[in-house]
Amino acid sequence: MVEDEIKRAERRGYSKGYVAGKRRKQAARQREVHCREQQAFLDRAFLVILPVALAAEGWKFGDKPISTTEERVLLAKRWAEEALRQRPIF
């Protein structure tokens, strides 16, 4: 009888560990999917915004006018990041 109880307790412990492991793996997969979706959105937004940022006139970073290609790309990057932050999450 005592041995049966020990075996049942071992099976319950194994079962709980198995379920917890599956839950951890599922959560990790969901985080990975979420990160990939965010990166894909950021990539698309950047590519759409880049031509606008390259043609932008009169924009400034603080007091410094944006004039170089690097500054214009940085502007597009900031806009894309802001678009990601403002993106509604469902």
Protein backbone atom coordinates (compact mmCIF):
# COMPACT_ATOMS: atom_id res chain seq x y z
CA MET A 1 0.00 0.00 0.00
CA VAL A 2 2.69 2.46 0.92
CA GLU A 3 4.57 1.53 -2.25
CA ASP A 4 1.46 2.20 -4.35
CA GLU A 5 1.10 5.63 -2.77
CA ILE A 6 4.75 6.41 -3.47
CA LYS A 7 4.38 5.33 -7.09
CA ARG A 8 1.24 7.47 -7.51
CA ALA A 9 3.04 10.46 -5.99
CA GLU A 10 5.98 9.92 -8.36
CA ARG A 11 3.62 9.77 -11.35
CA ARG A 12 1.87 12.97 -10.24
CA GLY A 13 5.22 14.70 -9.83
CA TYR A 14 6.37 13.56 -13.26
CA SER A 15 3.07 14.62 -14.80
CA LYS A 16 3.24 18.09 -13.23
CA GLY A 17 6.82 18.52 -14.42
CA TYR A 18 5.88 17.39 -17.92
CA VAL A 19 2.98 19.86 -18.08
CA ALA A 20 5.15 22.68 -16.70
CA GLY A 21 7.80 21.93 -19.33
CA LYS A 22 5.22 22.01 -22.10
CA ARG A 23 3.91 25.34 -20.77
CA ARG A 24 7.44 26.81 -20.74
CA LYS A 25 8.08 25.67 -24.31
CA GLN A 26 4.76 27.11 -25.49
CA ALA A 27 5.51 30.45 -23.80
CA ALA A 28 8.97 30.53 -25.41
CA ARG A 29 7.44 29.82 -28.83
CA GLN A 30 4.89 32.59 -28.33
CA ARG A 31 7.63 35.08 -27.37
CA GLU A 32 9.63 34.06 -30.43
CA VAL A 33 6.62 34.51 -32.73
CA HIS A 34 5.86 37.89 -31.14
CA CYS A 35 9.47 39.07 -31.66
CA ARG A 36 9.44 37.92 -35.30
CA GLU A 37 6.13 39.70 -35.93
CA GLN A 38 7.45 42.91 -34.37
CA GLN A 39 10.64 42.75 -36.43
CA ALA A 40 8.67 42.10 -39.62
CA PHE A 41 6.43 45.10 -38.89
CA LEU A 42 9.47 47.26 -38.13
CA ASP A 43 11.15 46.18 -41.39
CA ARG A 44 8.05 46.93 -43.47
CA ALA A 45 7.45 50.28 -41.76
CA PHE A 46 11.09 51.31 -42.25
CA LEU A 47 11.04 50.44 -45.94
CA VAL A 48 7.80 52.37 -46.48
CA ILE A 49 9.01 55.40 -44.50
CA LEU A 50 12.55 55.55 -45.92
CA PRO A 51 11.70 57.27 -49.24
CA VAL A 52 9.73 59.93 -47.36
CA ALA A 53 12.59 60.52 -44.91
CA LEU A 54 15.12 60.73 -47.76
CA ALA A 55 13.03 63.45 -49.43
CA ALA A 56 12.15 65.30 -46.20
CA GLU A 57 13.11 68.97 -46.14
CA GLY A 58 13.26 71.25 -43.14
CA TRP A 59 13.43 68.55 -40.46
CA LYS A 60 15.82 68.90 -37.52
CA PHE A 61 17.29 66.82 -34.72
CA GLY A 62 17.14 69.40 -31.97
CA ASP A 63 18.64 72.53 -33.54
CA LYS A 64 20.68 70.69 -36.19
CA PRO A 65 19.08 70.41 -39.64
CA ILE A 66 18.91 66.94 -41.16
CA SER A 67 21.05 66.98 -44.28
CA THR A 68 23.06 63.76 -44.65
CA THR A 69 21.87 60.38 -45.81
CA GLU A 70 22.79 58.84 -42.45
CA GLU A 71 20.65 61.41 -40.63
CA ARG A 72 17.75 60.76 -42.99
CA VAL A 73 18.02 57.00 -42.46
CA LEU A 74 18.10 57.61 -38.70
CA LEU A 75 14.94 59.72 -39.09
CA ALA A 76 13.24 56.83 -40.92
CA LYS A 77 14.38 54.42 -38.21
CA ARG A 78 12.95 56.64 -35.47
CA TRP A 79 9.66 56.99 -37.33
CA ALA A 80 9.44 53.22 -37.83
CA GLU A 81 10.18 52.60 -34.15
CA GLU A 82 7.49 55.09 -33.17
CA ALA A 83 5.06 53.39 -35.54
CA LEU A 84 5.83 50.09 -33.80
CA ARG A 85 5.23 51.68 -30.38
CA GLN A 86 1.93 53.18 -31.56
CA ARG A 87 0.83 49.94 -33.25
CA PRO A 88 -2.32 48.58 -31.64
CA ILE A 89 -1.84 45.22 -29.97
CA PHE A 90 -4.70 42.74 -30.26
